[in-house]
N, C-alpha and C. Protein backbone atom coordinates (compact mmCIF):
# COMPACT_ATOMS: atom_id res chain seq x y z
N MET A 1 -19.82 -4.87 -1.34
CA MET A 1 -18.47 -3.82 -1.33
C MET A 1 -17.99 -3.90 -2.68
N LYS A 2 -17.55 -2.64 -3.13
CA LYS A 2 -17.17 -2.87 -4.71
C LYS A 2 -15.59 -3.15 -4.44
N LYS A 3 -15.44 -4.30 -5.52
CA LYS A 3 -14.17 -5.41 -5.79
C LYS A 3 -13.38 -4.66 -6.55
N SER A 4 -13.71 -3.52 -7.81
CA SER A 4 -12.45 -3.01 -8.43
C SER A 4 -11.64 -2.70 -8.31
N ILE A 5 -10.87 -2.18 -8.94
CA ILE A 5 -9.62 -1.38 -8.76
C ILE A 5 -9.67 -0.23 -9.92
N SER A 6 -9.09 1.15 -9.87
CA SER A 6 -9.39 2.42 -10.54
C SER A 6 -8.13 3.06 -10.04
N ALA A 7 -7.43 3.84 -10.93
CA ALA A 7 -6.84 4.86 -10.46
C ALA A 7 -8.01 6.14 -9.85
N ARG A 8 -8.89 6.40 -10.57
CA ARG A 8 -9.71 7.49 -10.35
C ARG A 8 -10.13 7.35 -8.90
N SER A 9 -10.29 6.37 -8.28
CA SER A 9 -11.25 6.51 -6.92
C SER A 9 -10.40 5.46 -5.96
N SER A 10 -9.19 5.13 -5.92
CA SER A 10 -7.92 4.56 -5.53
C SER A 10 -7.23 5.19 -4.73
N PHE A 11 -6.61 5.21 -3.66
CA PHE A 11 -4.98 5.56 -2.35
C PHE A 11 -4.43 4.21 -2.40
N LEU A 12 -2.97 5.06 -2.04
CA LEU A 12 -2.34 3.91 -1.74
C LEU A 12 -1.93 4.06 -0.48
N LEU A 13 -2.02 2.88 0.35
CA LEU A 13 -1.19 3.11 1.70
C LEU A 13 -0.43 1.92 2.08
N MET A 14 1.08 2.62 2.09
CA MET A 14 2.18 2.04 1.96
C MET A 14 2.53 2.19 3.72
N ILE A 15 2.97 0.48 3.91
CA ILE A 15 2.78 0.47 5.26
C ILE A 15 4.57 0.08 6.10
N ASP A 16 5.15 1.04 6.65
CA ASP A 16 6.24 0.58 7.38
C ASP A 16 7.53 0.03 6.61
N MET A 17 7.66 0.40 5.47
CA MET A 17 8.59 -0.49 4.53
C MET A 17 9.91 0.34 5.14
N GLN A 18 10.56 0.18 6.10
CA GLN A 18 11.55 0.43 6.58
C GLN A 18 13.21 0.27 6.94
N GLU A 19 14.24 0.71 7.03
CA GLU A 19 15.62 0.42 6.63
C GLU A 19 15.91 -0.74 7.94
N ARG A 20 15.39 -0.86 9.25
CA ARG A 20 15.78 -1.88 9.99
C ARG A 20 14.60 -2.95 9.83
N LEU A 21 13.70 -2.81 9.31
CA LEU A 21 12.67 -3.83 9.51
C LEU A 21 12.76 -4.82 8.23
N LEU A 22 13.05 -4.09 7.11
CA LEU A 22 13.01 -5.40 5.54
C LEU A 22 13.66 -5.86 5.90
N PRO A 23 15.26 -5.69 6.49
CA PRO A 23 16.31 -6.96 6.08
C PRO A 23 15.58 -8.46 6.81
N ALA A 24 14.93 -8.08 7.73
CA ALA A 24 14.36 -9.63 8.74
C ALA A 24 13.23 -9.89 7.85
N ILE A 25 12.75 -9.16 6.35
CA ILE A 25 11.25 -10.11 6.18
C ILE A 25 11.30 -10.78 4.70
N TYR A 26 11.14 -12.14 4.87
CA TYR A 26 10.93 -13.48 4.26
C TYR A 26 10.39 -12.39 2.75
N ASN A 27 11.63 -12.87 2.00
CA ASN A 27 10.87 -12.17 -0.01
C ASN A 27 11.43 -10.88 -0.01
N LYS A 28 11.94 -10.08 0.84
CA LYS A 28 12.02 -8.90 0.46
C LYS A 28 12.78 -8.35 -0.72
N GLU A 29 13.49 -8.81 -1.62
CA GLU A 29 13.68 -8.57 -2.40
C GLU A 29 12.48 -8.48 -3.49
N GLU A 30 11.50 -9.50 -3.57
CA GLU A 30 10.28 -9.34 -4.43
C GLU A 30 9.48 -8.28 -3.66
N ILE A 31 9.27 -8.24 -2.38
CA ILE A 31 8.23 -6.98 -1.91
C ILE A 31 8.87 -5.73 -2.20
N ILE A 32 10.01 -5.64 -2.56
CA ILE A 32 10.56 -3.98 -2.38
C ILE A 32 10.31 -3.49 -4.30
N LYS A 33 10.99 -4.85 -5.08
CA LYS A 33 10.81 -4.61 -6.16
C LYS A 33 8.92 -4.44 -7.32
N ASN A 34 8.25 -5.67 -6.19
CA ASN A 34 6.32 -5.05 -6.40
C ASN A 34 6.42 -3.89 -6.16
N SER A 35 6.86 -3.34 -4.74
CA SER A 35 6.78 -1.89 -4.32
C SER A 35 6.80 -0.38 -5.38
N LEU A 36 8.27 -0.77 -5.57
CA LEU A 36 8.68 0.19 -6.36
C LEU A 36 7.69 -0.04 -7.98
N ASN A 37 7.62 -1.08 -8.13
CA ASN A 37 6.41 -1.02 -9.47
C ASN A 37 5.01 -0.44 -9.31
N ILE A 38 4.18 -0.52 -8.04
CA ILE A 38 3.43 0.07 -7.85
C ILE A 38 3.59 1.47 -7.68
N LEU A 39 4.71 2.29 -6.53
CA LEU A 39 4.54 3.41 -6.78
C LEU A 39 4.86 4.46 -7.96
N THR A 40 5.67 3.51 -9.12
CA THR A 40 5.98 3.81 -10.13
C THR A 40 4.69 4.25 -10.88
N ALA A 41 3.50 3.11 -11.01
CA ALA A 41 2.56 3.18 -11.78
C ALA A 41 1.86 4.49 -10.72
N ALA A 42 1.56 4.54 -9.89
CA ALA A 42 0.97 5.57 -8.94
C ALA A 42 1.37 6.95 -9.23
N LYS A 43 2.74 7.38 -9.69
CA LYS A 43 3.39 7.98 -10.06
C LYS A 43 3.08 8.57 -11.34
N GLU A 44 3.09 7.62 -12.07
CA GLU A 44 2.28 7.95 -13.29
C GLU A 44 1.09 8.17 -13.57
N LEU A 45 0.14 7.48 -13.31
CA LEU A 45 -1.18 8.16 -12.99
C LEU A 45 -1.87 9.01 -11.78
N SER A 46 -1.00 9.36 -11.38
CA SER A 46 -1.58 10.54 -10.23
C SER A 46 -2.25 9.94 -9.17
N VAL A 47 -1.92 8.75 -8.55
CA VAL A 47 -2.68 8.29 -7.51
C VAL A 47 -2.08 8.75 -6.21
N PRO A 48 -2.71 9.51 -5.36
CA PRO A 48 -2.38 10.37 -4.02
C PRO A 48 -2.14 8.59 -3.35
N MET A 49 -1.29 9.03 -2.33
CA MET A 49 -0.53 7.96 -1.11
C MET A 49 -0.67 8.54 0.13
N ILE A 50 -0.55 7.89 0.97
CA ILE A 50 -0.38 8.02 2.35
C ILE A 50 0.89 6.68 3.07
N ALA A 51 2.17 7.02 3.17
CA ALA A 51 2.69 6.34 3.55
C ALA A 51 3.20 6.29 5.48
N THR A 52 3.23 5.73 6.23
CA THR A 52 3.53 5.09 7.49
C THR A 52 5.31 4.65 7.71
N GLU A 53 5.26 4.85 9.18
CA GLU A 53 6.74 4.55 9.73
C GLU A 53 6.72 3.98 10.91
N GLN A 54 6.84 2.96 11.42
CA GLN A 54 6.83 2.68 12.54
C GLN A 54 7.35 2.93 13.58
N TYR A 55 7.97 3.81 14.46
CA TYR A 55 8.83 4.36 15.26
C TYR A 55 10.05 4.49 14.69
N PRO A 56 9.90 5.58 13.55
CA PRO A 56 11.43 5.50 12.68
C PRO A 56 12.48 5.91 13.73
N LYS A 57 12.65 6.90 14.66
CA LYS A 57 14.02 6.76 15.74
C LYS A 57 14.58 5.38 15.79
N GLY A 58 13.72 4.67 16.11
CA GLY A 58 14.04 2.85 16.40
C GLY A 58 14.54 1.66 15.19
N ILE A 59 13.73 2.39 14.41
CA ILE A 59 13.36 1.51 13.33
C ILE A 59 13.99 2.00 11.93
N GLY A 60 14.28 3.36 11.89
CA GLY A 60 14.91 3.91 10.85
C GLY A 60 13.31 4.25 9.81
N SER A 61 14.24 5.12 8.87
CA SER A 61 12.88 5.74 7.61
C SER A 61 12.91 4.50 6.56
N THR A 62 11.63 5.24 5.94
CA THR A 62 11.73 4.41 4.69
C THR A 62 13.15 3.86 3.70
N ILE A 63 12.79 3.03 3.30
CA ILE A 63 14.19 2.64 2.45
C ILE A 63 14.35 3.71 1.02
N PRO A 64 15.45 4.41 0.98
CA PRO A 64 15.60 5.46 -0.04
C PRO A 64 14.73 5.46 -1.29
N GLU A 65 14.72 3.63 -1.97
CA GLU A 65 14.59 3.46 -3.54
C GLU A 65 12.85 3.71 -3.51
N LEU A 66 12.69 3.80 -2.24
CA LEU A 66 10.86 3.63 -2.26
C LEU A 66 10.67 4.93 -1.59
N LYS A 67 11.27 5.86 -0.72
CA LYS A 67 11.04 6.97 -0.34
C LYS A 67 11.00 7.87 -1.30
N ASN A 68 12.07 7.77 -2.15
CA ASN A 68 12.18 8.99 -3.42
C ASN A 68 11.53 8.75 -4.73
N LEU A 69 10.05 7.67 -4.59
CA LEU A 69 9.09 7.53 -5.66
C LEU A 69 7.98 8.18 -4.95
N ILE A 70 7.86 8.74 -3.39
CA ILE A 70 6.71 8.92 -2.90
C ILE A 70 6.26 10.82 -3.14
N PRO A 71 5.13 10.87 -4.01
CA PRO A 71 4.83 12.14 -4.23
C PRO A 71 5.12 13.07 -2.79
N GLU A 72 5.53 14.61 -3.68
CA GLU A 72 6.34 15.46 -2.84
C GLU A 72 4.87 15.77 -1.63
N ASP A 73 3.59 15.48 -2.23
CA ASP A 73 2.49 16.05 -1.65
C ASP A 73 1.83 14.87 -0.49
N SER A 74 2.21 13.83 -0.26
CA SER A 74 2.06 12.85 0.26
C SER A 74 2.39 13.15 1.95
N THR A 75 1.38 12.26 2.14
CA THR A 75 1.79 12.42 4.05
C THR A 75 2.21 11.20 4.12
N ILE A 76 3.49 11.57 5.02
CA ILE A 76 4.57 10.08 5.54
C ILE A 76 3.99 10.42 7.45
N MET A 77 3.36 9.48 7.38
CA MET A 77 3.30 9.44 9.02
C MET A 77 4.00 8.79 10.23
N GLU A 78 4.33 9.15 11.13
CA GLU A 78 5.27 8.34 11.67
C GLU A 78 4.41 7.96 13.08
N LYS A 79 4.34 6.45 13.26
CA LYS A 79 3.18 6.07 14.41
C LYS A 79 3.41 4.75 15.47
N LEU A 80 3.67 5.25 16.29
CA LEU A 80 3.55 3.78 17.50
C LEU A 80 2.33 2.63 17.31
N GLU A 81 1.33 3.10 16.42
CA GLU A 81 0.33 2.08 16.49
C GLU A 81 0.34 1.24 15.60
N PHE A 82 -0.20 -0.22 15.97
CA PHE A 82 -0.09 -1.33 15.13
C PHE A 82 -1.19 -1.08 13.69
N SER A 83 -2.39 -0.78 14.23
CA SER A 83 -3.45 0.30 12.92
C SER A 83 -3.16 1.03 12.59
N CYS A 84 -2.98 1.54 11.41
CA CYS A 84 -2.46 2.85 10.88
C CYS A 84 -3.90 4.03 11.43
N CYS A 85 -4.99 3.18 11.19
CA CYS A 85 -6.21 3.74 11.43
C CYS A 85 -5.85 4.55 13.02
N ASN A 86 -5.61 4.29 14.00
CA ASN A 86 -5.46 4.58 15.29
C ASN A 86 -4.33 5.41 15.29
N ALA A 87 -3.39 5.90 14.31
CA ALA A 87 -2.11 6.79 14.69
C ALA A 87 -2.90 8.28 14.63
N GLN A 88 -2.19 9.03 15.15
CA GLN A 88 -3.07 10.78 15.34
C GLN A 88 -2.68 11.17 14.14
N GLY A 89 -3.96 11.77 13.29
CA GLY A 89 -3.86 12.78 12.29
C GLY A 89 -4.34 11.79 10.84
N PHE A 90 -4.59 10.39 11.02
CA PHE A 90 -4.32 9.26 10.06
C PHE A 90 -5.99 9.39 9.54
N GLY A 91 -6.93 10.06 10.41
CA GLY A 91 -8.69 10.29 10.25
C GLY A 91 -8.40 11.64 9.04
N ASP A 92 -7.83 12.45 9.47
CA ASP A 92 -7.21 13.88 8.57
C ASP A 92 -6.97 13.37 7.50
N ALA A 93 -5.72 12.92 7.35
CA ALA A 93 -5.04 12.26 6.00
C ALA A 93 -5.89 12.07 5.08
N ILE A 94 -6.68 11.23 5.38
CA ILE A 94 -8.04 10.43 4.66
C ILE A 94 -8.84 11.55 3.97
N LEU A 95 -9.04 12.37 5.12
CA LEU A 95 -10.01 13.42 4.88
C LEU A 95 -9.44 14.52 3.77
N ASN A 96 -7.93 14.78 3.97
CA ASN A 96 -7.43 15.53 3.24
C ASN A 96 -7.37 15.09 2.00
N LEU A 97 -7.10 13.72 1.90
CA LEU A 97 -6.71 13.24 0.72
C LEU A 97 -8.01 13.68 -0.35
N ASN A 98 -9.13 12.90 0.62
CA ASN A 98 -10.84 13.28 -0.35
C ASN A 98 -10.87 14.38 -0.91
N PHE A 99 -10.70 15.26 0.00
CA PHE A 99 -10.79 16.80 -0.29
C PHE A 99 -10.04 17.20 -1.77
N ASN A 100 -8.98 16.57 -1.19
CA ASN A 100 -7.67 17.70 -1.93
C ASN A 100 -7.95 16.85 -3.96
N THR A 101 -8.23 15.52 -3.89
CA THR A 101 -8.06 14.93 -5.06
C THR A 101 -9.63 14.10 -5.47
N GLY A 102 -10.54 14.37 -4.76
CA GLY A 102 -11.82 13.58 -5.26
C GLY A 102 -12.08 12.18 -3.99
N THR A 103 -13.42 12.10 -4.12
CA THR A 103 -13.84 10.56 -3.68
C THR A 103 -12.45 9.52 -3.97
N LYS A 104 -12.44 9.02 -2.81
CA LYS A 104 -11.49 7.43 -2.87
C LYS A 104 -12.06 6.68 -2.16
N ASP A 105 -12.61 5.68 -2.65
CA ASP A 105 -13.45 4.65 -1.73
C ASP A 105 -12.64 3.30 -1.67
N THR A 106 -11.66 3.32 -2.19
CA THR A 106 -10.73 1.95 -2.61
C THR A 106 -9.03 2.10 -1.85
N VAL A 107 -8.65 1.24 -0.85
CA VAL A 107 -7.26 1.61 -0.83
C VAL A 107 -6.55 0.53 -1.17
N ILE A 108 -5.75 0.74 -1.75
CA ILE A 108 -4.32 -0.01 -2.14
C ILE A 108 -3.08 -0.33 -1.20
N LEU A 109 -3.04 -1.38 -0.48
CA LEU A 109 -2.47 -1.52 0.78
C LEU A 109 -1.70 -2.35 0.53
N PHE A 110 -0.16 -2.14 0.77
CA PHE A 110 0.81 -2.93 0.77
C PHE A 110 1.97 -2.23 1.88
N GLY A 111 2.72 -3.37 2.42
CA GLY A 111 4.13 -2.95 3.05
C GLY A 111 4.12 -4.05 4.14
N VAL A 112 4.56 -3.94 5.41
CA VAL A 112 4.99 -4.76 6.37
C VAL A 112 4.25 -4.61 7.60
N GLU A 113 4.30 -5.53 8.91
CA GLU A 113 3.82 -6.64 8.36
C GLU A 113 3.03 -7.08 8.06
N THR A 114 2.79 -8.47 7.26
CA THR A 114 1.17 -8.93 6.72
C THR A 114 0.23 -8.97 7.85
N HIS A 115 0.96 -10.01 8.95
CA HIS A 115 0.27 -10.45 9.96
C HIS A 115 0.06 -9.43 11.01
N ILE A 116 0.66 -8.19 11.06
CA ILE A 116 0.73 -7.24 12.26
C ILE A 116 -0.34 -6.09 11.62
N CYS A 117 0.80 -4.99 11.02
CA CYS A 117 0.18 -3.93 10.80
C CYS A 117 -0.74 -4.03 9.34
N VAL A 118 0.09 -4.73 8.77
CA VAL A 118 -1.16 -4.40 7.27
C VAL A 118 -2.70 -5.42 7.52
N LEU A 119 -2.68 -6.47 8.50
CA LEU A 119 -4.01 -7.24 8.78
C LEU A 119 -4.86 -6.05 9.65
N ALA A 120 -3.86 -5.56 10.73
CA ALA A 120 -4.71 -4.70 11.80
C ALA A 120 -6.00 -3.41 11.18
N THR A 121 -4.52 -2.97 10.15
CA THR A 121 -5.22 -1.74 9.34
C THR A 121 -6.02 -2.13 8.47
N ALA A 122 -6.13 -3.03 8.20
CA ALA A 122 -7.04 -3.54 6.50
C ALA A 122 -8.22 -3.66 7.72
N MET A 123 -8.59 -3.86 8.62
CA MET A 123 -9.56 -4.52 9.46
C MET A 123 -10.24 -3.35 9.94
N ASP A 124 -9.13 -2.14 10.35
CA ASP A 124 -9.94 -1.04 10.79
C ASP A 124 -10.52 -0.14 9.57
N LEU A 125 -9.75 -0.19 8.29
CA LEU A 125 -10.20 0.38 7.28
C LEU A 125 -11.52 0.24 6.94
N ILE A 126 -11.91 -1.13 6.72
CA ILE A 126 -13.11 -1.46 6.70
C ILE A 126 -14.47 -1.30 7.23
N GLU A 127 -14.10 -1.30 9.11
CA GLU A 127 -14.69 -1.04 9.84
C GLU A 127 -14.98 0.51 10.14
N LYS A 128 -14.10 1.39 10.33
CA LYS A 128 -13.75 2.51 10.83
C LYS A 128 -14.23 3.62 9.55
N TYR A 129 -13.77 3.11 8.14
CA TYR A 129 -13.66 4.45 7.40
C TYR A 129 -14.85 3.52 5.92
N ASN A 130 -15.26 2.32 6.19
CA ASN A 130 -16.10 1.38 5.40
C ASN A 130 -15.22 1.92 3.80
N LEU A 131 -14.10 1.63 3.72
CA LEU A 131 -13.38 1.63 2.31
C LEU A 131 -13.29 -0.08 1.41
N ASN A 132 -12.92 0.03 0.57
CA ASN A 132 -12.78 -1.24 0.01
C ASN A 132 -11.21 -1.25 -0.10
N VAL A 133 -10.63 -2.36 0.39
CA VAL A 133 -9.01 -3.02 0.63
C VAL A 133 -9.56 -4.06 -0.43
N VAL A 134 -8.06 -3.36 -1.10
CA VAL A 134 -7.09 -4.23 -2.50
C VAL A 134 -5.41 -4.08 -1.53
N ILE A 135 -5.53 -5.98 -1.50
CA ILE A 135 -3.90 -6.15 -0.70
C ILE A 135 -2.87 -6.20 -1.86
N ALA A 136 -2.17 -5.92 -2.41
CA ALA A 136 -0.96 -6.32 -3.19
C ALA A 136 -0.12 -7.16 -2.12
N ALA A 137 -0.65 -8.35 -2.66
CA ALA A 137 -0.01 -9.78 -1.88
C ALA A 137 1.62 -9.57 -1.84
N ASP A 138 2.01 -9.84 -3.32
CA ASP A 138 3.27 -9.54 -3.55
C ASP A 138 4.18 -8.47 -2.97
N ALA A 139 3.79 -7.72 -2.53
CA ALA A 139 4.28 -6.05 -2.10
C ALA A 139 3.98 -6.42 -0.88
N CYS A 140 3.76 -7.31 0.22
CA CYS A 140 3.56 -7.17 1.68
C CYS A 140 4.37 -8.51 2.09
N GLY A 141 4.71 -8.21 3.05
CA GLY A 141 5.42 -9.87 3.75
C GLY A 141 5.67 -9.39 5.35
N SER A 142 5.88 -10.54 5.60
CA SER A 142 6.32 -10.90 7.06
C SER A 142 7.51 -11.43 7.03
N ARG A 143 7.79 -11.72 8.98
CA ARG A 143 9.49 -12.09 8.70
C ARG A 143 9.20 -13.61 8.38
N THR A 144 7.99 -14.21 8.44
CA THR A 144 8.35 -15.67 8.24
C THR A 144 7.10 -15.80 6.76
N GLU A 145 7.43 -16.99 5.97
CA GLU A 145 6.50 -17.33 5.51
C GLU A 145 4.97 -17.36 5.37
N LYS A 146 5.10 -18.26 6.71
CA LYS A 146 3.66 -19.05 7.29
C LYS A 146 2.85 -17.80 7.58
N ASN A 147 3.56 -16.92 8.32
CA ASN A 147 2.68 -15.65 8.84
C ASN A 147 2.61 -14.82 7.90
N HIS A 148 2.64 -14.65 6.88
CA HIS A 148 2.07 -14.14 5.61
C HIS A 148 1.20 -14.84 4.78
N VAL A 149 1.28 -15.94 4.83
CA VAL A 149 0.05 -16.68 4.16
C VAL A 149 -1.12 -16.59 4.82
N LEU A 150 -0.61 -16.60 6.31
CA LEU A 150 -1.93 -17.06 7.06
C LEU A 150 -2.61 -15.62 7.28
N ALA A 151 -1.97 -14.80 7.05
CA ALA A 151 -2.48 -13.18 7.22
C ALA A 151 -3.33 -12.87 5.95
N LEU A 152 -2.57 -13.26 4.72
CA LEU A 152 -3.17 -13.21 3.43
C LEU A 152 -4.79 -13.92 3.36
N ASP A 153 -5.12 -14.91 4.20
CA ASP A 153 -6.02 -15.91 4.39
C ASP A 153 -7.50 -15.17 5.61
N ALA A 154 -6.79 -14.60 6.20
CA ALA A 154 -7.41 -13.72 7.15
C ALA A 154 -7.97 -12.60 6.64
N LEU A 155 -7.21 -11.80 5.56
CA LEU A 155 -7.45 -10.13 5.07
C LEU A 155 -8.71 -11.13 3.96
N ARG A 156 -8.34 -12.17 3.14
CA ARG A 156 -9.83 -12.81 2.50
C ARG A 156 -11.17 -12.64 3.15
N SER A 157 -10.72 -13.62 4.38
CA SER A 157 -12.41 -13.50 5.22
C SER A 157 -12.38 -12.53 5.46
N ILE A 158 -12.22 -11.40 5.69
CA ILE A 158 -12.97 -10.35 6.49
C ILE A 158 -13.07 -9.40 4.59
N GLY A 159 -13.23 -9.64 3.66
CA GLY A 159 -13.42 -9.10 2.69
C GLY A 159 -12.55 -8.27 1.42
N CYS A 160 -11.14 -8.58 1.71
CA CYS A 160 -9.99 -7.85 0.86
C CYS A 160 -10.09 -8.37 0.07
N LEU A 161 -10.04 -7.67 -0.89
CA LEU A 161 -9.63 -8.71 -2.38
C LEU A 161 -7.58 -8.26 -2.41
N VAL A 162 -7.42 -9.59 -2.55
CA VAL A 162 -5.93 -9.66 -2.23
C VAL A 162 -5.84 -10.37 -3.66
N VAL A 163 -4.20 -9.73 -4.21
CA VAL A 163 -4.42 -10.15 -6.00
C VAL A 163 -2.60 -9.42 -5.83
N PRO A 164 -1.52 -10.15 -6.72
CA PRO A 164 -1.04 -9.89 -7.18
C PRO A 164 -0.51 -7.96 -7.21
N ALA A 165 0.53 -7.64 -7.13
CA ALA A 165 1.15 -6.07 -7.87
C ALA A 165 0.77 -6.15 -8.84
N GLU A 166 1.26 -7.04 -9.67
CA GLU A 166 0.63 -6.65 -11.54
C GLU A 166 -0.95 -6.42 -11.73
N THR A 167 -1.52 -6.99 -10.81
CA THR A 167 -3.24 -6.88 -11.11
C THR A 167 -3.59 -5.58 -10.47
N VAL A 168 -3.12 -5.09 -9.49
CA VAL A 168 -3.30 -3.56 -9.36
C VAL A 168 -2.72 -2.77 -10.22
N ILE A 169 -1.44 -2.95 -10.64
CA ILE A 169 -1.13 -2.20 -11.95
C ILE A 169 -1.79 -2.00 -12.98
N TYR A 170 -1.98 -3.06 -13.73
CA TYR A 170 -2.66 -3.61 -15.01
C TYR A 170 -4.38 -2.88 -14.42
N SER A 171 -4.56 -2.97 -13.55
CA SER A 171 -6.18 -2.36 -13.14
C SER A 171 -6.08 -0.75 -13.21
N MET A 172 -5.16 -0.48 -12.69
CA MET A 172 -5.12 1.37 -12.87
C MET A 172 -4.93 1.75 -13.68
N LEU A 173 -4.17 1.16 -14.61
CA LEU A 173 -3.56 1.37 -16.12
C LEU A 173 -4.67 1.52 -17.06
N GLU A 174 -5.76 0.71 -16.95
CA GLU A 174 -7.17 0.21 -17.60
C GLU A 174 -6.79 -0.41 -18.71
N LYS A 175 -6.19 0.09 -20.08
CA LYS A 175 -5.91 -0.74 -20.86
C LYS A 175 -4.04 -0.31 -21.92
N ALA A 176 -4.06 -1.05 -22.51
CA ALA A 176 -2.81 -0.68 -23.38
C ALA A 176 -2.86 0.74 -24.24
N GLY A 177 -1.47 1.07 -24.91
CA GLY A 177 -1.07 1.85 -25.77
C GLY A 177 -1.22 3.33 -25.10
N THR A 178 -1.36 3.60 -23.84
CA THR A 178 -1.34 5.20 -23.41
C THR A 178 -0.26 5.21 -23.20
N PRO A 179 -0.12 6.91 -23.07
CA PRO A 179 1.22 6.73 -22.54
C PRO A 179 2.16 6.14 -21.53
N GLN A 180 0.88 6.29 -20.28
CA GLN A 180 1.33 5.53 -18.86
C GLN A 180 1.75 4.01 -19.19
N PHE A 181 1.23 3.50 -19.69
CA PHE A 181 0.77 2.19 -20.31
C PHE A 181 2.47 1.92 -20.89
N LYS A 182 2.96 2.61 -21.60
CA LYS A 182 3.84 2.42 -22.16
C LYS A 182 5.29 2.68 -21.34
N ALA A 183 4.79 3.86 -20.32
CA ALA A 183 5.94 4.16 -19.27
C ALA A 183 6.43 2.61 -18.36
N MET A 184 5.11 2.46 -18.06
CA MET A 184 5.52 1.09 -16.88
C MET A 184 5.76 -0.18 -17.73
N LEU A 185 5.41 -0.31 -19.20
CA LEU A 185 5.70 -1.69 -20.00
C LEU A 185 7.64 -2.28 -19.52
N PRO A 186 8.39 -1.70 -19.65
CA PRO A 186 9.52 -2.00 -19.35
C PRO A 186 9.73 -2.61 -17.62
N LEU A 187 8.93 -2.09 -16.89
CA LEU A 187 9.15 -2.96 -15.76
C LEU A 187 7.86 -3.82 -15.61
N LEU A 188 6.95 -4.24 -16.17
CA LEU A 188 6.07 -5.27 -16.14
C LEU A 188 6.69 -6.57 -17.35
N LYS A 189 7.77 -6.64 -17.91
CA LYS A 189 8.33 -7.07 -19.02
C LYS A 189 9.06 -8.11 -18.11
């Protein structure tokens, strides 16, 4: 499997960054900050995305600061399933994304919880869709640090590229000196 990251061949999948779930997540401030940076870079580079919300009636919707950065043409899916791939309409969302924006063979995955929904989704993205999966490790989290670390080990073992959010952002930017790089620089200092 290809292991590179580019804005042209990637899409984002943000999992369950919700109002009543995030307060219980270990290191949530860093996770939110890194998620904001990824979303800002994706917006600058027109990288498409899908976002999910686990049972929003009970857990709330995506936190406002992240929701405000989701492009209007993005799919926001409600789900009950732990793997996003098993949610009704998820396959159609990927097909529509590829149809509308060109072939996307890499998914940049981030969100909560690492050891539940992120891991289950990554396994299915590889198995069902044969996608390259990049995990923005410091934009993912679990209620305990131990569960997060164990899940990152599991993600590596199934072939995911596990890197910091900053690696994802610089890889998508590709080079310095561009208007997009200059727009992102204050966030990356």
